[in-house]
Amino acid sequence: MTLCRRVCAMVVIGLTALSLSYAEEVDLLQALQRGEVWAQFRGWGQDAVRGTIGRSAYGPQQLSIAPGTQLQAQRPGVQGMMTLGQTPVDLRGQTIAQITIPAVCTNLGWRTPTAVDVMVLAKRPNIGLASVAAAASQRRIAPPVAQLATWVVANNPRRVDIERYLNEVVAGVQAPPQLEKSRLLRQAADLLRAAKLKPGEFRMFQ
C-alpha cells in the first residue's frame, strides 16, 4: 500500500470512529468535563429543573443526564434539586437544546427554586441519594414517594417535620387522610429498601 493510500485509510478510519462517537449517547457530566458541551440550569418549581445545553462543533449529538444528578442553588436558603429518571438530550441537527428535567427537592423546609435561581451541577453526587433516584427510575414511583425518600436520605427529618407536606399531598384524596399518609410512608420505606438502604436507620421510621 502506498503512503497516500495509508494516509487516506487512516483518515477514513478516524472519521468513522468520530462519527460513531457522535451517534453514541454521552453522559452530560463527562461531556462537560471534556469541554465538549456547556450547560446552564435554573429552578422550575418543586418537581423540575430547566436546562439549556449547547455543544461545540465536535461535541456529541446525543447526551444523557443520569438519575441522581444533583444541582445546587446559588442563593442562601434555596433548596437544591436531584434529577429523577434517565433524561435524554437530543442535539442532532442543532447546537443548543432546552429541556425540562423531572426532579425532587433535597433541602426540606427551604424555598423552592424558581426561574430566577441559577442551579449548578454538584461535582460529587451523594451516593445514597443517587441510589434512591436509580431505584425510583426502575420502578413506577409516584412523585410524592420519591420526594419523601429523598428528604429521608438528604435531611433525616422526623415524622412531624414532613406532616405539612403530607397534608398538602393528601388534600382532596378520597381515601381517609391518615390511611393515605401511611400508604405514602410505606412506599417511601419500600423505595429505600430498593435503594439498599435501611428505613429503620432514619428518624422518620423510628
C-alpha atoms as a PDB file:
ATOM      1  CA  MET A   1       0.000   0.000   0.000  1.00  0.00           C
ATOM      2  CA  THR A   2       1.369   3.400  -0.930  1.00  0.00           C
ATOM      3  CA  LEU A   3       1.841   6.161   1.627  1.00  0.00           C
ATOM      4  CA  CYS A   4      -1.051   8.126   0.134  1.00  0.00           C
ATOM      5  CA  ARG A   5      -3.418   5.167   0.457  1.00  0.00           C
ATOM      6  CA  ARG A   6      -2.284   4.550   4.003  1.00  0.00           C
ATOM      7  CA  VAL A   7      -2.988   8.164   4.968  1.00  0.00           C
ATOM      8  CA  CYS A   8      -6.394   8.063   3.293  1.00  0.00           C
ATOM      9  CA  ALA A   9      -7.256   4.812   5.088  1.00  0.00           C
ATOM     10  CA  MET A  10      -6.278   6.312   8.439  1.00  0.00           C
ATOM     11  CA  VAL A  11      -8.389   9.408   7.779  1.00  0.00           C
ATOM     12  CA  VAL A  12     -11.397   7.283   6.857  1.00  0.00           C
ATOM     13  CA  ILE A  13     -10.995   5.151   9.998  1.00  0.00           C
ATOM     14  CA  GLY A  14     -10.661   8.270  12.151  1.00  0.00           C
ATOM     15  CA  LEU A  15     -13.712   9.936  10.662  1.00  0.00           C
ATOM     16  CA  THR A  16     -15.735   6.744  11.054  1.00  0.00           C
ATOM     17  CA  ALA A  17     -14.778   6.451  14.725  1.00  0.00           C
ATOM     18  CA  LEU A  18     -15.585  10.114  15.228  1.00  0.00           C
ATOM     19  CA  SER A  19     -18.996   9.815  13.609  1.00  0.00           C
ATOM     20  CA  LEU A  20     -19.786   6.757  15.741  1.00  0.00           C
ATOM     21  CA  SER A  21     -18.835   8.646  18.883  1.00  0.00           C
ATOM     22  CA  TYR A  22     -21.209  11.454  17.866  1.00  0.00           C
ATOM     23  CA  ALA A  23     -24.006   8.902  17.484  1.00  0.00           C
ATOM     24  CA  GLU A  24     -23.454   7.423  20.950  1.00  0.00           C
ATOM     25  CA  GLU A  25     -25.282   8.789  23.980  1.00  0.00           C
ATOM     26  CA  VAL A  26     -22.718  10.507  26.216  1.00  0.00           C
ATOM     27  CA  ASP A  27     -23.145  11.288  29.913  1.00  0.00           C
ATOM     28  CA  LEU A  28     -23.573  15.029  30.426  1.00  0.00           C
ATOM     29  CA  LEU A  29     -21.066  15.274  33.282  1.00  0.00           C
ATOM     30  CA  GLN A  30     -18.393  13.501  31.220  1.00  0.00           C
ATOM     31  CA  ALA A  31     -19.030  15.751  28.228  1.00  0.00           C
ATOM     32  CA  LEU A  32     -18.797  18.832  30.462  1.00  0.00           C
ATOM     33  CA  GLN A  33     -15.507  17.658  31.962  1.00  0.00           C
ATOM     34  CA  ARG A  34     -14.090  17.190  28.457  1.00  0.00           C
ATOM     35  CA  GLY A  35     -15.262  20.649  27.393  1.00  0.00           C
ATOM     36  CA  GLU A  36     -17.442  19.244  24.616  1.00  0.00           C
ATOM     37  CA  VAL A  37     -20.644  20.919  25.835  1.00  0.00           C
ATOM     38  CA  TRP A  38     -21.814  23.735  28.098  1.00  0.00           C
ATOM     39  CA  ALA A  39     -24.891  23.772  30.299  1.00  0.00           C
ATOM     40  CA  GLN A  40     -26.951  26.245  32.296  1.00  0.00           C
ATOM     41  CA  PHE A  41     -29.700  25.271  34.729  1.00  0.00           C
ATOM     42  CA  ARG A  42     -32.426  27.164  36.563  1.00  0.00           C
ATOM     43  CA  GLY A  43     -35.112  26.238  39.029  1.00  0.00           C
ATOM     44  CA  TRP A  44     -38.510  25.253  37.661  1.00  0.00           C
ATOM     45  CA  GLY A  45     -40.666  24.656  40.714  1.00  0.00           C
ATOM     46  CA  GLN A  46     -40.681  21.795  43.193  1.00  0.00           C
ATOM     47  CA  ASP A  47     -40.658  18.949  40.687  1.00  0.00           C
ATOM     48  CA  ALA A  48     -38.430  20.035  37.770  1.00  0.00           C
ATOM     49  CA  VAL A  49     -35.307  21.848  36.627  1.00  0.00           C
ATOM     50  CA  ARG A  50     -34.978  23.774  33.358  1.00  0.00           C
ATOM     51  CA  GLY A  51     -31.755  23.341  31.400  1.00  0.00           C
ATOM     52  CA  THR A  52     -30.135  24.941  28.352  1.00  0.00           C
ATOM     53  CA  ILE A  53     -27.390  22.772  26.862  1.00  0.00           C
ATOM     54  CA  GLY A  54     -25.153  23.503  23.887  1.00  0.00           C
ATOM     55  CA  ARG A  55     -22.376  21.602  22.152  1.00  0.00           C
ATOM     56  CA  SER A  56     -19.183  22.571  20.397  1.00  0.00           C
ATOM     57  CA  ALA A  57     -18.679  21.911  16.695  1.00  0.00           C
ATOM     58  CA  TYR A  58     -17.277  18.475  17.517  1.00  0.00           C
ATOM     59  CA  GLY A  59     -19.341  17.746  20.594  1.00  0.00           C
ATOM     60  CA  PRO A  60     -21.688  14.757  20.965  1.00  0.00           C
ATOM     61  CA  GLN A  61     -25.106  14.971  19.389  1.00  0.00           C
ATOM     62  CA  GLN A  62     -26.845  12.831  21.998  1.00  0.00           C
ATOM     63  CA  LEU A  63     -26.429  13.290  25.734  1.00  0.00           C
ATOM     64  CA  SER A  64     -27.897  11.646  28.792  1.00  0.00           C
ATOM     65  CA  ILE A  65     -28.498  13.062  32.283  1.00  0.00           C
ATOM     66  CA  ALA A  66     -28.284  10.238  34.802  1.00  0.00           C
ATOM     67  CA  PRO A  67     -30.783   9.806  37.649  1.00  0.00           C
ATOM     68  CA  GLY A  68     -29.381  11.210  40.869  1.00  0.00           C
ATOM     69  CA  THR A  69     -27.608  14.144  39.231  1.00  0.00           C
ATOM     70  CA  GLN A  70     -27.669  16.909  41.839  1.00  0.00           C
ATOM     71  CA  LEU A  71     -27.901  20.636  41.333  1.00  0.00           C
ATOM     72  CA  GLN A  72     -27.143  23.243  43.965  1.00  0.00           C
ATOM     73  CA  ALA A  73     -28.881  26.603  44.238  1.00  0.00           C
ATOM     74  CA  GLN A  74     -26.642  29.662  44.436  1.00  0.00           C
ATOM     75  CA  ARG A  75     -28.786  31.726  46.804  1.00  0.00           C
ATOM     76  CA  PRO A  76     -28.854  31.030  50.562  1.00  0.00           C
ATOM     77  CA  GLY A  77     -31.975  29.230  51.757  1.00  0.00           C
ATOM     78  CA  VAL A  78     -32.982  27.948  48.310  1.00  0.00           C
ATOM     79  CA  GLN A  79     -33.083  24.185  48.129  1.00  0.00           C
ATOM     80  CA  GLY A  80     -31.104  22.018  45.771  1.00  0.00           C
ATOM     81  CA  MET A  81     -32.638  19.573  43.307  1.00  0.00           C
ATOM     82  CA  MET A  82     -31.951  15.998  42.216  1.00  0.00           C
ATOM     83  CA  THR A  83     -32.906  14.549  38.830  1.00  0.00           C
ATOM     84  CA  LEU A  84     -35.167  11.516  38.551  1.00  0.00           C
ATOM     85  CA  GLY A  85     -35.013   9.047  35.690  1.00  0.00           C
ATOM     86  CA  GLN A  86     -32.673   8.993  32.715  1.00  0.00           C
ATOM     87  CA  THR A  87     -33.131  12.213  30.724  1.00  0.00           C
ATOM     88  CA  PRO A  88     -32.014  12.227  27.057  1.00  0.00           C
ATOM     89  CA  VAL A  89     -30.772  15.413  25.396  1.00  0.00           C
ATOM     90  CA  ASP A  90     -31.041  15.396  21.594  1.00  0.00           C
ATOM     91  CA  LEU A  91     -28.615  17.769  19.878  1.00  0.00           C
ATOM     92  CA  ARG A  92     -28.870  16.228  16.416  1.00  0.00           C
ATOM     93  CA  GLY A  93     -29.310  18.956  13.844  1.00  0.00           C
ATOM     94  CA  GLN A  94     -28.930  21.700  16.428  1.00  0.00           C
ATOM     95  CA  THR A  95     -26.257  23.107  18.699  1.00  0.00           C
ATOM     96  CA  ILE A  96     -28.491  24.218  21.579  1.00  0.00           C
ATOM     97  CA  ALA A  97     -31.383  22.438  23.276  1.00  0.00           C
ATOM     98  CA  GLN A  98     -33.711  23.392  26.110  1.00  0.00           C
ATOM     99  CA  ILE A  99     -35.067  20.646  28.329  1.00  0.00           C
ATOM    100  CA  THR A 100     -37.221  20.246  31.419  1.00  0.00           C
ATOM    101  CA  ILE A 101     -35.855  17.598  33.773  1.00  0.00           C
ATOM    102  CA  PRO A 102     -38.043  15.792  36.349  1.00  0.00           C
ATOM    103  CA  ALA A 103     -36.545  16.386  39.787  1.00  0.00           C
ATOM    104  CA  VAL A 104     -37.136  16.399  43.535  1.00  0.00           C
ATOM    105  CA  CYS A 105     -36.042  18.843  46.243  1.00  0.00           C
ATOM    106  CA  THR A 106     -33.143  17.987  48.545  1.00  0.00           C
ATOM    107  CA  ASN A 107     -33.445  20.547  51.347  1.00  0.00           C
ATOM    108  CA  LEU A 108     -36.607  20.178  53.395  1.00  0.00           C
ATOM    109  CA  GLY A 109     -38.097  23.492  54.537  1.00  0.00           C
ATOM    110  CA  TRP A 110     -36.056  25.739  52.244  1.00  0.00           C
ATOM    111  CA  ARG A 111     -37.518  27.904  49.469  1.00  0.00           C
ATOM    112  CA  THR A 112     -38.432  26.242  46.204  1.00  0.00           C
ATOM    113  CA  PRO A 113     -36.145  27.347  43.328  1.00  0.00           C
ATOM    114  CA  THR A 114     -37.758  29.325  40.508  1.00  0.00           C
ATOM    115  CA  ALA A 115     -36.606  30.516  37.093  1.00  0.00           C
ATOM    116  CA  VAL A 116     -34.567  33.310  38.704  1.00  0.00           C
ATOM    117  CA  ASP A 117     -32.446  30.753  40.583  1.00  0.00           C
ATOM    118  CA  VAL A 118     -29.287  29.529  38.893  1.00  0.00           C
ATOM    119  CA  MET A 119     -28.541  25.855  39.635  1.00  0.00           C
ATOM    120  CA  VAL A 120     -25.024  24.420  39.433  1.00  0.00           C
ATOM    121  CA  LEU A 121     -24.197  20.744  38.946  1.00  0.00           C
ATOM    122  CA  ALA A 122     -22.629  19.145  42.010  1.00  0.00           C
ATOM    123  CA  LYS A 123     -19.166  17.722  41.334  1.00  0.00           C
ATOM    124  CA  ARG A 124     -19.567  14.861  43.799  1.00  0.00           C
ATOM    125  CA  PRO A 125     -23.074  13.346  43.881  1.00  0.00           C
ATOM    126  CA  ASN A 126     -24.378  11.945  47.162  1.00  0.00           C
ATOM    127  CA  ILE A 127     -24.196   8.152  46.783  1.00  0.00           C
ATOM    128  CA  GLY A 128     -27.267   7.495  48.929  1.00  0.00           C
ATOM    129  CA  LEU A 129     -29.397   9.992  47.009  1.00  0.00           C
ATOM    130  CA  ALA A 130     -28.181   8.622  43.684  1.00  0.00           C
ATOM    131  CA  SER A 131     -29.226   5.137  44.799  1.00  0.00           C
ATOM    132  CA  VAL A 132     -32.724   6.394  45.624  1.00  0.00           C
ATOM    133  CA  ALA A 133     -33.016   8.101  42.226  1.00  0.00           C
ATOM    134  CA  ALA A 134     -31.803   4.993  40.406  1.00  0.00           C
ATOM    135  CA  ALA A 135     -34.261   2.776  42.278  1.00  0.00           C
ATOM    136  CA  ALA A 136     -37.113   5.217  41.591  1.00  0.00           C
ATOM    137  CA  SER A 137     -36.298   5.246  37.867  1.00  0.00           C
ATOM    138  CA  GLN A 138     -36.570   1.441  37.736  1.00  0.00           C
ATOM    139  CA  ARG A 139     -39.996   1.363  39.375  1.00  0.00           C
ATOM    140  CA  ARG A 140     -43.270   3.201  38.839  1.00  0.00           C
ATOM    141  CA  ILE A 141     -42.890   5.574  41.776  1.00  0.00           C
ATOM    142  CA  ALA A 142     -45.304   8.425  42.475  1.00  0.00           C
ATOM    143  CA  PRO A 143     -43.520  11.802  42.781  1.00  0.00           C
ATOM    144  CA  PRO A 144     -44.523  12.298  46.467  1.00  0.00           C
ATOM    145  CA  VAL A 145     -42.983   8.932  47.338  1.00  0.00           C
ATOM    146  CA  ALA A 146     -39.714   9.806  45.604  1.00  0.00           C
ATOM    147  CA  GLN A 147     -39.736  13.184  47.347  1.00  0.00           C
ATOM    148  CA  LEU A 148     -40.230  11.650  50.786  1.00  0.00           C
ATOM    149  CA  ALA A 149     -37.451   9.087  50.268  1.00  0.00           C
ATOM    150  CA  THR A 150     -35.132  11.841  49.037  1.00  0.00           C
ATOM    151  CA  TRP A 151     -35.760  14.007  52.100  1.00  0.00           C
ATOM    152  CA  VAL A 152     -35.221  10.992  54.354  1.00  0.00           C
ATOM    153  CA  VAL A 153     -31.698  10.482  52.972  1.00  0.00           C
ATOM    154  CA  ALA A 154     -30.789  14.138  52.456  1.00  0.00           C
ATOM    155  CA  ASN A 155     -32.176  15.635  55.681  1.00  0.00           C
ATOM    156  CA  ASN A 156     -33.123  12.735  58.007  1.00  0.00           C
ATOM    157  CA  PRO A 157     -36.290  14.534  59.213  1.00  0.00           C
ATOM    158  CA  ARG A 158     -38.632  13.431  61.970  1.00  0.00           C
ATOM    159  CA  ARG A 159     -42.160  12.395  61.033  1.00  0.00           C
ATOM    160  CA  VAL A 160     -43.513  15.685  62.409  1.00  0.00           C
ATOM    161  CA  ASP A 161     -41.213  17.621  60.076  1.00  0.00           C
ATOM    162  CA  ILE A 162     -42.939  16.292  56.952  1.00  0.00           C
ATOM    163  CA  GLU A 163     -46.505  16.491  58.282  1.00  0.00           C
ATOM    164  CA  ARG A 164     -47.240  19.731  56.445  1.00  0.00           C
ATOM    165  CA  TYR A 165     -46.078  18.220  53.149  1.00  0.00           C
ATOM    166  CA  LEU A 166     -48.153  15.090  53.737  1.00  0.00           C
ATOM    167  CA  ASN A 167     -51.246  17.207  54.446  1.00  0.00           C
ATOM    168  CA  GLU A 168     -50.755  19.036  51.135  1.00  0.00           C
ATOM    169  CA  VAL A 169     -50.341  15.776  49.220  1.00  0.00           C
ATOM    170  CA  VAL A 170     -53.415  14.037  50.628  1.00  0.00           C
ATOM    171  CA  ALA A 171     -55.686  17.097  50.379  1.00  0.00           C
ATOM    172  CA  GLY A 172     -58.600  16.217  48.131  1.00  0.00           C
ATOM    173  CA  VAL A 173     -57.825  12.490  48.099  1.00  0.00           C
ATOM    174  CA  GLN A 174     -60.922  10.334  48.566  1.00  0.00           C
ATOM    175  CA  ALA A 175     -59.215   7.855  50.898  1.00  0.00           C
ATOM    176  CA  PRO A 176     -59.046   8.734  54.633  1.00  0.00           C
ATOM    177  CA  PRO A 177     -56.070  11.117  55.098  1.00  0.00           C
ATOM    178  CA  GLN A 178     -54.312   9.011  57.732  1.00  0.00           C
ATOM    179  CA  LEU A 179     -54.543   5.875  55.603  1.00  0.00           C
ATOM    180  CA  GLU A 180     -53.170   7.737  52.580  1.00  0.00           C
ATOM    181  CA  LYS A 181     -50.294   9.156  54.634  1.00  0.00           C
ATOM    182  CA  SER A 182     -49.450   5.683  55.928  1.00  0.00           C
ATOM    183  CA  ARG A 183     -49.511   4.321  52.391  1.00  0.00           C
ATOM    184  CA  LEU A 184     -47.097   7.006  51.144  1.00  0.00           C
ATOM    185  CA  LEU A 185     -44.704   6.416  54.038  1.00  0.00           C
ATOM    186  CA  ARG A 186     -44.834   2.663  53.484  1.00  0.00           C
ATOM    187  CA  GLN A 187     -43.998   3.120  49.806  1.00  0.00           C
ATOM    188  CA  ALA A 188     -41.167   5.520  50.685  1.00  0.00           C
ATOM    189  CA  ALA A 189     -39.741   2.842  53.011  1.00  0.00           C
ATOM    190  CA  ASP A 190     -40.001   0.268  50.208  1.00  0.00           C
ATOM    191  CA  LEU A 191     -38.136   2.633  47.879  1.00  0.00           C
ATOM    192  CA  LEU A 192     -35.341   2.994  50.430  1.00  0.00           C
ATOM    193  CA  ARG A 193     -35.055  -0.780  50.645  1.00  0.00           C
ATOM    194  CA  ALA A 194     -34.887  -0.979  46.849  1.00  0.00           C
ATOM    195  CA  ALA A 195     -32.011   1.515  47.080  1.00  0.00           C
ATOM    196  CA  LYS A 196     -30.225  -0.866  49.506  1.00  0.00           C
ATOM    197  CA  LEU A 197     -30.876   1.429  52.475  1.00  0.00           C
ATOM    198  CA  LYS A 198     -32.456   0.552  55.829  1.00  0.00           C
ATOM    199  CA  PRO A 199     -35.535   2.657  56.701  1.00  0.00           C
ATOM    200  CA  GLY A 200     -35.142   1.916  60.419  1.00  0.00           C
ATOM    201  CA  GLU A 201     -31.872   3.850  60.488  1.00  0.00           C
ATOM    202  CA  PHE A 202     -33.708   7.098  59.697  1.00  0.00           C
ATOM    203  CA  ARG A 203     -35.746   9.148  62.180  1.00  0.00           C
ATOM    204  CA  MET A 204     -38.896   9.213  60.047  1.00  0.00           C
ATOM    205  CA  PHE A 205     -39.341   5.470  60.521  1.00  0.00           C
ATOM    206  CA  GLN A 206     -38.234   5.137  64.157  1.00  0.00           C
END
